[in-house]
Amino acid sequence: MEKADIKILGAGNNWTGLGGRITMGLAGYNSALPKGSTVSLVNGDPGQMCIDGPYRVADRTYHMGITTPASFLKLAVEGLDPFDKPLPLRVLATFPHDDRMVFAVKKSTGLKSLEEIREKKYPLKVLTPPPGSFHPSVWGAEAVLAEYGFSLADIEKWGGKLVINRSRGTKPLDTDPEGEFDAVFDEAVMTRRWKLITDANDITFLPIGEEQMKRLEARGFKRAKLEKDRFRGVNSDIPVLDFSDWVLYCREDMDEELAYMTIAAIDEQKKGIEALFPQPFSPMSGPCDLRRLAANPAVPLHMGAERYYKEKGFL
C-alpha cells in the first residue's frame, strides 16, 4: 500500500482507549505502514457514532469504526432499520462485551410485565439515555415498547418522566441525582452501576414476550437472556435483547494489507488493551484473545483480517 493518513472513528471513553492502542500498534516503532504514514483516532458522541459511524466509514470519511451491539453491523450491511440502505462493511475484530438491553422497574410499582405499563398507563419515572440522542439503547427501547403499543413519549403523557442518564455514573444512588427513578430502560448490564441499582433497590426485570420477540428477531434483533442470579432478585432467566460485543469494522474494499496490519497491531497491543479494562464490571468483559476476536463475526471478516487470523493459528 502507498503512504496514507489512516483515520479510525472511536468515540467515548472505552473506544478512545481501545482505538488509541490500535493506533499505537499501527504507527509505533514496529509499524509496517509505508514511511510517512500517520494514524489518527477521531472522537464523537458514543451513542450517535454507533449508528452514524457505519455511514461515515462506508463513504470513506474514515477507514475504520467501532460500534455496538454487534448485531447493529449486520443491520447496516443489510440496510435494515435504523439504516436506510445497505452498507459495504466487513468485520475486523469482535471484542467481548457481555451486554443486554433490559427493562427494570422497582417492585413498589407492582408491575410484572411490559403490557401492564400500557394497560395501566403507568406514570413511570424512567432512567434512560437522552431521547433523540440516536443512542442504540434508546432506539432499542423504543423498538421493544412499540411492540407493546406505546412509547417513551406516551409514558410522559401519562404523567411520567424521563430521568435522563447522561453519566451512567457509579456513585451511590442515595447521593446521585439519578436516584429519583422507578424504572430503568437501558443496557450496559456488565457495569458496576447495575449492581449498585439492584443492591440498593428491590427490582423486577420485565421479560419480552415470545410473540414480540419473534417480531423483533424478524427485524434483525437477537434474543438473549438475563441469567438467573446475575443480580439480586433475578430468580429465573429473563428473555431480553442481546446487546453484546464491540465490533471494529471497515469497508469491504479497504486495502488488504491495512486490514492485516490492523490485526497485527491488536495482537501486539493486546496486553495494553486488557490493562485498560480490569475485571470485574469492565465494559470489555473478557481478555483480548484473538481467537475470540475472530470468532462468529456478525458479518464476514475482511479478507486481510481473516488472513492474519489464519496465518497465526487464531482461526
C-alpha atoms as a PDB file:
ATOM      1  CA  MET A   1       0.000   0.000   0.000  1.00  0.00           C
ATOM      2  CA  GLU A   2       1.028   3.640  -0.512  1.00  0.00           C
ATOM      3  CA  LYS A   3       1.691   6.228   2.187  1.00  0.00           C
ATOM      4  CA  ALA A   4      -1.612   7.027   3.875  1.00  0.00           C
ATOM      5  CA  ASP A   5      -3.278   9.026   6.636  1.00  0.00           C
ATOM      6  CA  ILE A   6      -5.354   6.394   8.409  1.00  0.00           C
ATOM      7  CA  LYS A   7      -8.386   7.607  10.385  1.00  0.00           C
ATOM      8  CA  ILE A   8     -10.175   5.457  12.989  1.00  0.00           C
ATOM      9  CA  LEU A   9     -13.535   6.586  14.380  1.00  0.00           C
ATOM     10  CA  GLY A  10     -13.572   5.770  18.088  1.00  0.00           C
ATOM     11  CA  ALA A  11     -15.987   7.724  20.361  1.00  0.00           C
ATOM     12  CA  GLY A  12     -16.304   7.754  24.123  1.00  0.00           C
ATOM     13  CA  ASN A  13     -14.048   6.686  26.942  1.00  0.00           C
ATOM     14  CA  ASN A  14     -13.989   2.953  26.145  1.00  0.00           C
ATOM     15  CA  TRP A  15     -13.291   3.161  22.433  1.00  0.00           C
ATOM     16  CA  THR A  16     -10.861   6.049  22.757  1.00  0.00           C
ATOM     17  CA  GLY A  17      -8.661   3.799  24.880  1.00  0.00           C
ATOM     18  CA  LEU A  18      -9.110   0.783  22.632  1.00  0.00           C
ATOM     19  CA  GLY A  19      -8.644   2.797  19.444  1.00  0.00           C
ATOM     20  CA  GLY A  20      -5.618   4.550  20.911  1.00  0.00           C
ATOM     21  CA  ARG A  21      -3.906   1.232  21.475  1.00  0.00           C
ATOM     22  CA  ILE A  22      -4.664   0.189  17.907  1.00  0.00           C
ATOM     23  CA  THR A  23      -3.168   3.436  16.573  1.00  0.00           C
ATOM     24  CA  MET A  24      -0.047   2.830  18.676  1.00  0.00           C
ATOM     25  CA  GLY A  25       0.333  -0.622  17.188  1.00  0.00           C
ATOM     26  CA  LEU A  26      -0.203   0.606  13.644  1.00  0.00           C
ATOM     27  CA  ALA A  27       2.081   3.640  13.839  1.00  0.00           C
ATOM     28  CA  GLY A  28       4.632   2.685  16.504  1.00  0.00           C
ATOM     29  CA  TYR A  29       8.291   1.731  16.199  1.00  0.00           C
ATOM     30  CA  ASN A  30       7.385  -1.648  14.742  1.00  0.00           C
ATOM     31  CA  SER A  31       4.985  -0.169  12.189  1.00  0.00           C
ATOM     32  CA  ALA A  32       4.791  -1.849   8.803  1.00  0.00           C
ATOM     33  CA  LEU A  33       2.989   1.147   7.290  1.00  0.00           C
ATOM     34  CA  PRO A  34       4.791   2.959   4.464  1.00  0.00           C
ATOM     35  CA  LYS A  35       7.191   5.675   5.639  1.00  0.00           C
ATOM     36  CA  GLY A  36       5.432   8.977   6.308  1.00  0.00           C
ATOM     37  CA  SER A  37       2.040   7.431   7.050  1.00  0.00           C
ATOM     38  CA  THR A  38       0.003   8.637  10.020  1.00  0.00           C
ATOM     39  CA  VAL A  39      -2.762   7.081  12.090  1.00  0.00           C
ATOM     40  CA  SER A  40      -5.294   9.199  13.978  1.00  0.00           C
ATOM     41  CA  LEU A  41      -8.218   8.485  16.270  1.00  0.00           C
ATOM     42  CA  VAL A  42     -11.334  10.647  15.914  1.00  0.00           C
ATOM     43  CA  ASN A  43     -13.787  11.043  18.788  1.00  0.00           C
ATOM     44  CA  GLY A  44     -17.513  11.794  18.762  1.00  0.00           C
ATOM     45  CA  ASP A  45     -20.723  11.168  20.672  1.00  0.00           C
ATOM     46  CA  PRO A  46     -20.541   7.451  21.573  1.00  0.00           C
ATOM     47  CA  GLY A  47     -24.221   6.690  21.053  1.00  0.00           C
ATOM     48  CA  GLN A  48     -24.535   8.642  17.829  1.00  0.00           C
ATOM     49  CA  MET A  49     -21.388   7.109  16.366  1.00  0.00           C
ATOM     50  CA  CYS A  50     -22.782   3.607  16.907  1.00  0.00           C
ATOM     51  CA  ILE A  51     -25.358   4.328  14.230  1.00  0.00           C
ATOM     52  CA  ASP A  52     -23.873   7.233  12.250  1.00  0.00           C
ATOM     53  CA  GLY A  53     -20.378   5.744  12.167  1.00  0.00           C
ATOM     54  CA  PRO A  54     -21.122   2.975   9.654  1.00  0.00           C
ATOM     55  CA  TYR A  55     -22.271   5.591   7.135  1.00  0.00           C
ATOM     56  CA  ARG A  56     -19.040   7.563   7.621  1.00  0.00           C
ATOM     57  CA  VAL A  57     -16.878   4.502   7.118  1.00  0.00           C
ATOM     58  CA  ALA A  58     -18.949   3.443   4.093  1.00  0.00           C
ATOM     59  CA  ASP A  59     -18.450   6.866   2.468  1.00  0.00           C
ATOM     60  CA  ARG A  60     -14.683   6.700   3.194  1.00  0.00           C
ATOM     61  CA  THR A  61     -14.610   9.591   5.653  1.00  0.00           C
ATOM     62  CA  TYR A  62     -12.894   7.125   7.999  1.00  0.00           C
ATOM     63  CA  HIS A  63     -11.052   3.876   7.335  1.00  0.00           C
ATOM     64  CA  MET A  64     -12.436   2.057  10.385  1.00  0.00           C
ATOM     65  CA  GLY A  65     -15.023   2.471  13.103  1.00  0.00           C
ATOM     66  CA  ILE A  66     -16.320   0.763  16.216  1.00  0.00           C
ATOM     67  CA  THR A  67     -19.960   0.041  17.043  1.00  0.00           C
ATOM     68  CA  THR A  68     -22.100  -1.912  19.488  1.00  0.00           C
ATOM     69  CA  PRO A  69     -24.009  -4.162  19.691  1.00  0.00           C
ATOM     70  CA  ALA A  70     -22.501  -6.466  17.065  1.00  0.00           C
ATOM     71  CA  SER A  71     -25.936  -7.058  15.553  1.00  0.00           C
ATOM     72  CA  PHE A  72     -26.009  -3.373  14.520  1.00  0.00           C
ATOM     73  CA  LEU A  73     -23.330  -4.039  11.923  1.00  0.00           C
ATOM     74  CA  LYS A  74     -25.476  -6.764  10.390  1.00  0.00           C
ATOM     75  CA  LEU A  75     -28.401  -4.329  10.215  1.00  0.00           C
ATOM     76  CA  ALA A  76     -26.100  -1.813   8.497  1.00  0.00           C
ATOM     77  CA  VAL A  77     -24.893  -4.333   5.915  1.00  0.00           C
ATOM     78  CA  GLU A  78     -28.447  -5.490   5.203  1.00  0.00           C
ATOM     79  CA  GLY A  79     -29.884  -1.967   5.163  1.00  0.00           C
ATOM     80  CA  LEU A  80     -32.393  -2.640   7.935  1.00  0.00           C
ATOM     81  CA  ASP A  81     -33.779  -0.087  10.404  1.00  0.00           C
ATOM     82  CA  PRO A  82     -32.190   2.172  11.670  1.00  0.00           C
ATOM     83  CA  PHE A  83     -30.122   2.124   8.460  1.00  0.00           C
ATOM     84  CA  ASP A  84     -31.799   3.279   5.255  1.00  0.00           C
ATOM     85  CA  LYS A  85     -29.579   1.449   2.778  1.00  0.00           C
ATOM     86  CA  PRO A  86     -27.148  -1.499   2.698  1.00  0.00           C
ATOM     87  CA  LEU A  87     -23.589  -0.501   3.584  1.00  0.00           C
ATOM     88  CA  PRO A  88     -20.474  -2.314   2.202  1.00  0.00           C
ATOM     89  CA  LEU A  89     -18.818  -3.157   5.523  1.00  0.00           C
ATOM     90  CA  ARG A  90     -16.789  -6.039   6.949  1.00  0.00           C
ATOM     91  CA  VAL A  91     -15.616  -7.087  10.408  1.00  0.00           C
ATOM     92  CA  LEU A  92     -12.010  -6.727  11.527  1.00  0.00           C
ATOM     93  CA  ALA A  93     -12.394  -7.848  15.156  1.00  0.00           C
ATOM     94  CA  THR A  94     -15.184  -8.538  17.656  1.00  0.00           C
ATOM     95  CA  PHE A  95     -14.310  -7.646  21.253  1.00  0.00           C
ATOM     96  CA  PRO A  96     -16.120  -9.278  24.205  1.00  0.00           C
ATOM     97  CA  HIS A  97     -18.822  -7.071  25.708  1.00  0.00           C
ATOM     98  CA  ASP A  98     -21.348  -9.093  27.724  1.00  0.00           C
ATOM     99  CA  ASP A  99     -24.379  -6.844  27.451  1.00  0.00           C
ATOM    100  CA  ARG A 100     -28.195  -6.907  27.331  1.00  0.00           C
ATOM    101  CA  MET A 101     -30.978  -4.386  26.771  1.00  0.00           C
ATOM    102  CA  VAL A 102     -33.251  -4.667  29.809  1.00  0.00           C
ATOM    103  CA  PHE A 103     -36.441  -3.196  31.231  1.00  0.00           C
ATOM    104  CA  ALA A 104     -36.341  -2.934  35.015  1.00  0.00           C
ATOM    105  CA  VAL A 105     -38.886  -1.479  37.432  1.00  0.00           C
ATOM    106  CA  LYS A 106     -38.934  -1.103  41.193  1.00  0.00           C
ATOM    107  CA  LYS A 107     -41.099  -3.753  42.868  1.00  0.00           C
ATOM    108  CA  SER A 108     -43.028  -0.925  44.550  1.00  0.00           C
ATOM    109  CA  THR A 109     -44.677  -0.202  41.171  1.00  0.00           C
ATOM    110  CA  GLY A 110     -46.369  -3.608  41.275  1.00  0.00           C
ATOM    111  CA  LEU A 111     -45.633  -4.039  37.558  1.00  0.00           C
ATOM    112  CA  LYS A 112     -44.911  -7.556  36.332  1.00  0.00           C
ATOM    113  CA  SER A 113     -44.945  -7.084  32.542  1.00  0.00           C
ATOM    114  CA  LEU A 114     -44.489  -4.550  29.788  1.00  0.00           C
ATOM    115  CA  GLU A 115     -48.184  -4.976  28.883  1.00  0.00           C
ATOM    116  CA  GLU A 116     -49.178  -3.659  32.286  1.00  0.00           C
ATOM    117  CA  ILE A 117     -47.367  -0.374  31.692  1.00  0.00           C
ATOM    118  CA  ARG A 118     -49.664   0.319  28.733  1.00  0.00           C
ATOM    119  CA  GLU A 119     -52.802  -1.119  30.329  1.00  0.00           C
ATOM    120  CA  LYS A 120     -52.392   0.953  33.496  1.00  0.00           C
ATOM    121  CA  LYS A 121     -50.920   3.965  31.690  1.00  0.00           C
ATOM    122  CA  TYR A 122     -48.399   3.906  34.487  1.00  0.00           C
ATOM    123  CA  PRO A 123     -46.604   7.252  35.034  1.00  0.00           C
ATOM    124  CA  LEU A 124     -43.128   5.782  35.375  1.00  0.00           C
ATOM    125  CA  LYS A 125     -40.044   7.836  36.153  1.00  0.00           C
ATOM    126  CA  VAL A 126     -37.705   6.141  33.667  1.00  0.00           C
ATOM    127  CA  LEU A 127     -33.928   6.383  33.927  1.00  0.00           C
ATOM    128  CA  THR A 128     -32.710   6.354  30.309  1.00  0.00           C
ATOM    129  CA  PRO A 129     -30.158   7.932  27.967  1.00  0.00           C
ATOM    130  CA  PRO A 130     -31.350  11.181  26.355  1.00  0.00           C
ATOM    131  CA  PRO A 131     -34.182  10.580  23.853  1.00  0.00           C
ATOM    132  CA  GLY A 132     -33.291  11.841  20.408  1.00  0.00           C
ATOM    133  CA  SER A 133     -29.613  11.117  21.076  1.00  0.00           C
ATOM    134  CA  PHE A 134     -29.596   8.323  18.467  1.00  0.00           C
ATOM    135  CA  HIS A 135     -28.182   6.060  21.175  1.00  0.00           C
ATOM    136  CA  PRO A 136     -28.651   2.319  20.450  1.00  0.00           C
ATOM    137  CA  SER A 137     -30.333   1.715  23.807  1.00  0.00           C
ATOM    138  CA  VAL A 138     -32.905   4.471  23.152  1.00  0.00           C
ATOM    139  CA  TRP A 139     -33.585   3.063  19.712  1.00  0.00           C
ATOM    140  CA  GLY A 140     -33.758  -0.484  21.147  1.00  0.00           C
ATOM    141  CA  ALA A 141     -36.080   0.544  23.974  1.00  0.00           C
ATOM    142  CA  GLU A 142     -38.433   2.328  21.592  1.00  0.00           C
ATOM    143  CA  ALA A 143     -38.459  -0.693  19.256  1.00  0.00           C
ATOM    144  CA  VAL A 144     -39.499  -3.010  22.098  1.00  0.00           C
ATOM    145  CA  LEU A 145     -42.094  -0.629  23.537  1.00  0.00           C
ATOM    146  CA  ALA A 146     -43.613  -0.202  20.047  1.00  0.00           C
ATOM    147  CA  GLU A 147     -44.300  -3.946  20.032  1.00  0.00           C
ATOM    148  CA  TYR A 148     -46.499  -3.308  23.076  1.00  0.00           C
ATOM    149  CA  GLY A 149     -48.263  -0.316  21.575  1.00  0.00           C
ATOM    150  CA  PHE A 150     -46.682   2.589  23.436  1.00  0.00           C
ATOM    151  CA  SER A 151     -43.560   4.762  23.578  1.00  0.00           C
ATOM    152  CA  LEU A 152     -41.406   6.806  25.936  1.00  0.00           C
ATOM    153  CA  ALA A 153     -43.422   9.841  24.859  1.00  0.00           C
ATOM    154  CA  ASP A 154     -46.628   8.064  25.937  1.00  0.00           C
ATOM    155  CA  ILE A 155     -45.164   7.483  29.403  1.00  0.00           C
ATOM    156  CA  GLU A 156     -44.603  11.226  29.657  1.00  0.00           C
ATOM    157  CA  LYS A 157     -48.187  11.906  28.509  1.00  0.00           C
ATOM    158  CA  TRP A 158     -49.441   9.637  31.296  1.00  0.00           C
ATOM    159  CA  GLY A 159     -47.697  11.842  33.850  1.00  0.00           C
ATOM    160  CA  GLY A 160     -44.398  10.004  33.901  1.00  0.00           C
ATOM    161  CA  LYS A 161     -40.947  11.458  33.496  1.00  0.00           C
ATOM    162  CA  LEU A 162     -37.716  10.632  31.691  1.00  0.00           C
ATOM    163  CA  VAL A 163     -34.848  10.885  34.162  1.00  0.00           C
ATOM    164  CA  ILE A 164     -32.023  11.490  31.731  1.00  0.00           C
ATOM    165  CA  ASN A 165     -28.980   9.369  32.434  1.00  0.00           C
ATOM    166  CA  ARG A 166     -26.034  11.263  30.980  1.00  0.00           C
ATOM    167  CA  SER A 167     -23.196   9.981  33.131  1.00  0.00           C
ATOM    168  CA  ARG A 168     -24.125   6.371  33.873  1.00  0.00           C
ATOM    169  CA  GLY A 169     -22.087   7.028  36.975  1.00  0.00           C
ATOM    170  CA  THR A 170     -21.255   4.612  39.775  1.00  0.00           C
ATOM    171  CA  LYS A 171     -21.978   6.921  42.700  1.00  0.00           C
ATOM    172  CA  PRO A 172     -24.200   5.515  45.462  1.00  0.00           C
ATOM    173  CA  LEU A 173     -27.789   6.022  44.392  1.00  0.00           C
ATOM    174  CA  ASP A 174     -28.776   7.806  47.599  1.00  0.00           C
ATOM    175  CA  THR A 175     -26.322  10.609  46.735  1.00  0.00           C
ATOM    176  CA  ASP A 176     -26.845  10.541  42.968  1.00  0.00           C
ATOM    177  CA  PRO A 177     -29.461  12.802  41.334  1.00  0.00           C
ATOM    178  CA  GLU A 178     -30.214   9.882  39.051  1.00  0.00           C
ATOM    179  CA  GLY A 179     -31.597   8.079  42.111  1.00  0.00           C
ATOM    180  CA  GLU A 180     -35.084   9.575  41.580  1.00  0.00           C
ATOM    181  CA  PHE A 181     -36.495   6.854  39.351  1.00  0.00           C
ATOM    182  CA  ASP A 182     -38.788   3.851  39.463  1.00  0.00           C
ATOM    183  CA  ALA A 183     -37.723   2.236  36.159  1.00  0.00           C
ATOM    184  CA  VAL A 184     -34.531   1.771  34.149  1.00  0.00           C
ATOM    185  CA  PHE A 185     -34.706   1.082  30.400  1.00  0.00           C
ATOM    186  CA  ASP A 186     -31.072   0.695  29.394  1.00  0.00           C
ATOM    187  CA  GLU A 187     -28.126  -1.577  28.619  1.00  0.00           C
ATOM    188  CA  ALA A 188     -24.535  -1.802  29.975  1.00  0.00           C
ATOM    189  CA  VAL A 189     -25.544  -4.548  32.428  1.00  0.00           C
ATOM    190  CA  MET A 190     -21.904  -5.611  32.858  1.00  0.00           C
ATOM    191  CA  THR A 191     -21.024  -2.392  34.688  1.00  0.00           C
ATOM    192  CA  ARG A 192     -20.930  -1.783  38.440  1.00  0.00           C
ATOM    193  CA  ARG A 193     -23.835   0.623  38.091  1.00  0.00           C
ATOM    194  CA  TRP A 194     -26.335  -2.204  37.660  1.00  0.00           C
ATOM    195  CA  LYS A 195     -25.081  -3.972  40.772  1.00  0.00           C
ATOM    196  CA  LEU A 196     -25.493  -0.730  42.703  1.00  0.00           C
ATOM    197  CA  ILE A 197     -29.034  -0.326  41.396  1.00  0.00           C
ATOM    198  CA  THR A 198     -30.087  -3.881  42.229  1.00  0.00           C
ATOM    199  CA  ASP A 199     -28.344  -3.941  45.610  1.00  0.00           C
ATOM    200  CA  ALA A 200     -29.957  -0.667  46.679  1.00  0.00           C
ATOM    201  CA  ASN A 201     -33.449  -1.338  45.296  1.00  0.00           C
ATOM    202  CA  ASP A 202     -35.891  -4.229  45.006  1.00  0.00           C
ATOM    203  CA  ILE A 203     -36.071  -4.609  41.237  1.00  0.00           C
ATOM    204  CA  THR A 204     -38.265  -6.598  38.838  1.00  0.00           C
ATOM    205  CA  PHE A 205     -36.878  -7.234  35.354  1.00  0.00           C
ATOM    206  CA  LEU A 206     -39.702  -7.332  32.802  1.00  0.00           C
ATOM    207  CA  PRO A 207     -39.488 -10.102  30.159  1.00  0.00           C
ATOM    208  CA  ILE A 208     -40.056  -9.630  26.441  1.00  0.00           C
ATOM    209  CA  GLY A 209     -42.898 -11.926  25.355  1.00  0.00           C
ATOM    210  CA  GLU A 210     -42.367 -14.666  22.787  1.00  0.00           C
ATOM    211  CA  GLU A 211     -44.613 -13.119  20.118  1.00  0.00           C
ATOM    212  CA  GLN A 212     -42.926  -9.754  20.477  1.00  0.00           C
ATOM    213  CA  MET A 213     -39.502 -11.387  20.474  1.00  0.00           C
ATOM    214  CA  LYS A 214     -40.196 -13.217  17.218  1.00  0.00           C
ATOM    215  CA  ARG A 215     -41.233  -9.979  15.531  1.00  0.00           C
ATOM    216  CA  LEU A 216     -38.121  -8.248  16.829  1.00  0.00           C
ATOM    217  CA  GLU A 217     -35.951 -11.100  15.540  1.00  0.00           C
ATOM    218  CA  ALA A 218     -37.563 -10.705  12.115  1.00  0.00           C
ATOM    219  CA  ARG A 219     -36.321  -7.103  12.178  1.00  0.00           C
ATOM    220  CA  GLY A 220     -32.747  -8.209  12.887  1.00  0.00           C
ATOM    221  CA  PHE A 221     -32.596  -8.126  16.690  1.00  0.00           C
ATOM    222  CA  LYS A 222     -31.051 -11.018  18.609  1.00  0.00           C
ATOM    223  CA  ARG A 223     -32.668 -12.619  21.624  1.00  0.00           C
ATOM    224  CA  ALA A 224     -30.764 -13.252  24.830  1.00  0.00           C
ATOM    225  CA  LYS A 225     -31.482 -13.848  28.477  1.00  0.00           C
ATOM    226  CA  LEU A 226     -30.615 -12.092  31.688  1.00  0.00           C
ATOM    227  CA  GLU A 227     -29.340 -15.104  33.556  1.00  0.00           C
ATOM    228  CA  LYS A 228     -30.739 -16.304  36.862  1.00  0.00           C
ATOM    229  CA  ASP A 229     -28.769 -14.871  39.826  1.00  0.00           C
ATOM    230  CA  ARG A 230     -26.911 -12.340  37.686  1.00  0.00           C
ATOM    231  CA  PHE A 231     -28.331  -9.670  40.001  1.00  0.00           C
ATOM    232  CA  ARG A 232     -30.076  -9.727  43.349  1.00  0.00           C
ATOM    233  CA  GLY A 233     -33.709 -10.660  42.831  1.00  0.00           C
ATOM    234  CA  VAL A 234     -33.264 -12.337  39.430  1.00  0.00           C
ATOM    235  CA  ASN A 235     -34.657 -15.752  40.334  1.00  0.00           C
ATOM    236  CA  SER A 236     -35.059 -17.117  36.798  1.00  0.00           C
ATOM    237  CA  ASP A 237     -33.775 -16.410  33.297  1.00  0.00           C
ATOM    238  CA  ILE A 238     -35.436 -13.305  31.806  1.00  0.00           C
ATOM    239  CA  PRO A 239     -35.941 -13.036  27.994  1.00  0.00           C
ATOM    240  CA  VAL A 240     -34.290  -9.790  26.833  1.00  0.00           C
ATOM    241  CA  LEU A 241     -32.480  -8.362  23.784  1.00  0.00           C
ATOM    242  CA  ASP A 242     -28.850  -9.151  23.091  1.00  0.00           C
ATOM    243  CA  PHE A 243     -26.661  -6.032  23.105  1.00  0.00           C
ATOM    244  CA  SER A 244     -23.318  -7.811  23.250  1.00  0.00           C
ATOM    245  CA  ASP A 245     -19.911  -7.201  21.674  1.00  0.00           C
ATOM    246  CA  TRP A 246     -17.971  -4.292  20.213  1.00  0.00           C
ATOM    247  CA  VAL A 247     -17.132  -4.529  16.526  1.00  0.00           C
ATOM    248  CA  LEU A 248     -14.152  -2.943  14.804  1.00  0.00           C
ATOM    249  CA  TYR A 249     -15.206  -2.703  11.146  1.00  0.00           C
ATOM    250  CA  CYS A 250     -14.149  -1.256   7.789  1.00  0.00           C
ATOM    251  CA  ARG A 251     -15.282  -1.048   4.170  1.00  0.00           C
ATOM    252  CA  GLU A 252     -15.234  -4.361   2.372  1.00  0.00           C
ATOM    253  CA  ASP A 253     -12.733  -2.936  -0.146  1.00  0.00           C
ATOM    254  CA  MET A 254     -10.291  -1.436   2.366  1.00  0.00           C
ATOM    255  CA  ASP A 255      -6.683  -2.243   1.500  1.00  0.00           C
ATOM    256  CA  GLU A 256      -5.995  -5.865   2.418  1.00  0.00           C
ATOM    257  CA  GLU A 257      -2.578  -5.084   3.857  1.00  0.00           C
ATOM    258  CA  LEU A 258      -4.021  -2.377   6.108  1.00  0.00           C
ATOM    259  CA  ALA A 259      -6.565  -4.840   7.476  1.00  0.00           C
ATOM    260  CA  TYR A 260      -3.801  -7.402   8.057  1.00  0.00           C
ATOM    261  CA  MET A 261      -1.626  -4.811   9.829  1.00  0.00           C
ATOM    262  CA  THR A 262      -4.560  -3.703  11.998  1.00  0.00           C
ATOM    263  CA  ILE A 263      -4.993  -7.189  13.432  1.00  0.00           C
ATOM    264  CA  ALA A 264      -1.215  -7.448  13.867  1.00  0.00           C
ATOM    265  CA  ALA A 265      -1.390  -4.160  15.826  1.00  0.00           C
ATOM    266  CA  ILE A 266      -4.120  -5.564  18.076  1.00  0.00           C
ATOM    267  CA  ASP A 267      -2.051  -8.702  18.596  1.00  0.00           C
ATOM    268  CA  GLU A 268       0.959  -6.590  19.592  1.00  0.00           C
ATOM    269  CA  GLN A 269      -1.093  -4.350  21.888  1.00  0.00           C
ATOM    270  CA  LYS A 270      -3.377  -6.989  23.459  1.00  0.00           C
ATOM    271  CA  LYS A 271      -1.844  -6.773  26.948  1.00  0.00           C
ATOM    272  CA  GLY A 272      -2.135  -2.998  26.895  1.00  0.00           C
ATOM    273  CA  ILE A 273      -5.751  -3.282  25.752  1.00  0.00           C
ATOM    274  CA  GLU A 274      -6.555  -5.701  28.580  1.00  0.00           C
ATOM    275  CA  ALA A 275      -4.950  -3.327  31.098  1.00  0.00           C
ATOM    276  CA  LEU A 276      -7.491  -0.679  30.117  1.00  0.00           C
ATOM    277  CA  PHE A 277     -10.356  -2.928  31.180  1.00  0.00           C
ATOM    278  CA  PRO A 278      -9.659  -4.548  34.578  1.00  0.00           C
ATOM    279  CA  GLN A 279     -12.227  -7.083  35.724  1.00  0.00           C
ATOM    280  CA  PRO A 280     -14.867  -7.316  37.122  1.00  0.00           C
ATOM    281  CA  PHE A 281     -17.526  -4.820  35.958  1.00  0.00           C
ATOM    282  CA  SER A 282     -15.460  -3.804  32.956  1.00  0.00           C
ATOM    283  CA  PRO A 283     -17.154  -2.731  29.702  1.00  0.00           C
ATOM    284  CA  MET A 284     -14.831  -5.104  27.830  1.00  0.00           C
ATOM    285  CA  SER A 285     -15.831  -8.264  29.606  1.00  0.00           C
ATOM    286  CA  GLY A 286     -13.017 -10.642  28.753  1.00  0.00           C
ATOM    287  CA  PRO A 287      -9.408 -10.958  27.618  1.00  0.00           C
ATOM    288  CA  CYS A 288      -8.187  -9.703  24.252  1.00  0.00           C
ATOM    289  CA  ASP A 289      -7.948 -13.259  22.903  1.00  0.00           C
ATOM    290  CA  LEU A 290      -7.563 -13.175  19.126  1.00  0.00           C
ATOM    291  CA  ARG A 291      -9.394 -16.475  18.810  1.00  0.00           C
ATOM    292  CA  ARG A 292     -12.374 -14.752  20.386  1.00  0.00           C
ATOM    293  CA  LEU A 293     -11.890 -11.645  18.240  1.00  0.00           C
ATOM    294  CA  ALA A 294     -12.018 -13.734  15.067  1.00  0.00           C
ATOM    295  CA  ALA A 295     -14.931 -15.985  16.012  1.00  0.00           C
ATOM    296  CA  ASN A 296     -18.584 -15.657  14.964  1.00  0.00           C
ATOM    297  CA  PRO A 297     -18.483 -12.256  13.252  1.00  0.00           C
ATOM    298  CA  ALA A 298     -21.832 -10.519  12.715  1.00  0.00           C
ATOM    299  CA  VAL A 299     -20.940 -10.198   9.001  1.00  0.00           C
ATOM    300  CA  PRO A 300     -17.990 -11.744   7.148  1.00  0.00           C
ATOM    301  CA  LEU A 301     -14.436 -10.875   8.149  1.00  0.00           C
ATOM    302  CA  HIS A 302     -12.426  -8.604   5.885  1.00  0.00           C
ATOM    303  CA  MET A 303     -10.087 -10.808   3.832  1.00  0.00           C
ATOM    304  CA  GLY A 304      -6.966  -9.126   5.235  1.00  0.00           C
ATOM    305  CA  ALA A 305      -8.062  -9.707   8.828  1.00  0.00           C
ATOM    306  CA  GLU A 306      -9.040 -13.267   8.027  1.00  0.00           C
ATOM    307  CA  ARG A 307      -5.603 -13.903   6.500  1.00  0.00           C
ATOM    308  CA  TYR A 308      -3.834 -12.743   9.678  1.00  0.00           C
ATOM    309  CA  TYR A 309      -6.056 -14.849  11.952  1.00  0.00           C
ATOM    310  CA  LYS A 310      -5.484 -17.944   9.809  1.00  0.00           C
ATOM    311  CA  GLU A 311      -1.734 -17.450   9.398  1.00  0.00           C
ATOM    312  CA  LYS A 312      -1.235 -17.083  13.159  1.00  0.00           C
ATOM    313  CA  GLY A 313      -3.476 -20.008  14.062  1.00  0.00           C
ATOM    314  CA  PHE A 314      -6.323 -17.976  15.603  1.00  0.00           C
ATOM    315  CA  LEU A 315      -8.889 -19.164  13.068  1.00  0.00           C
END
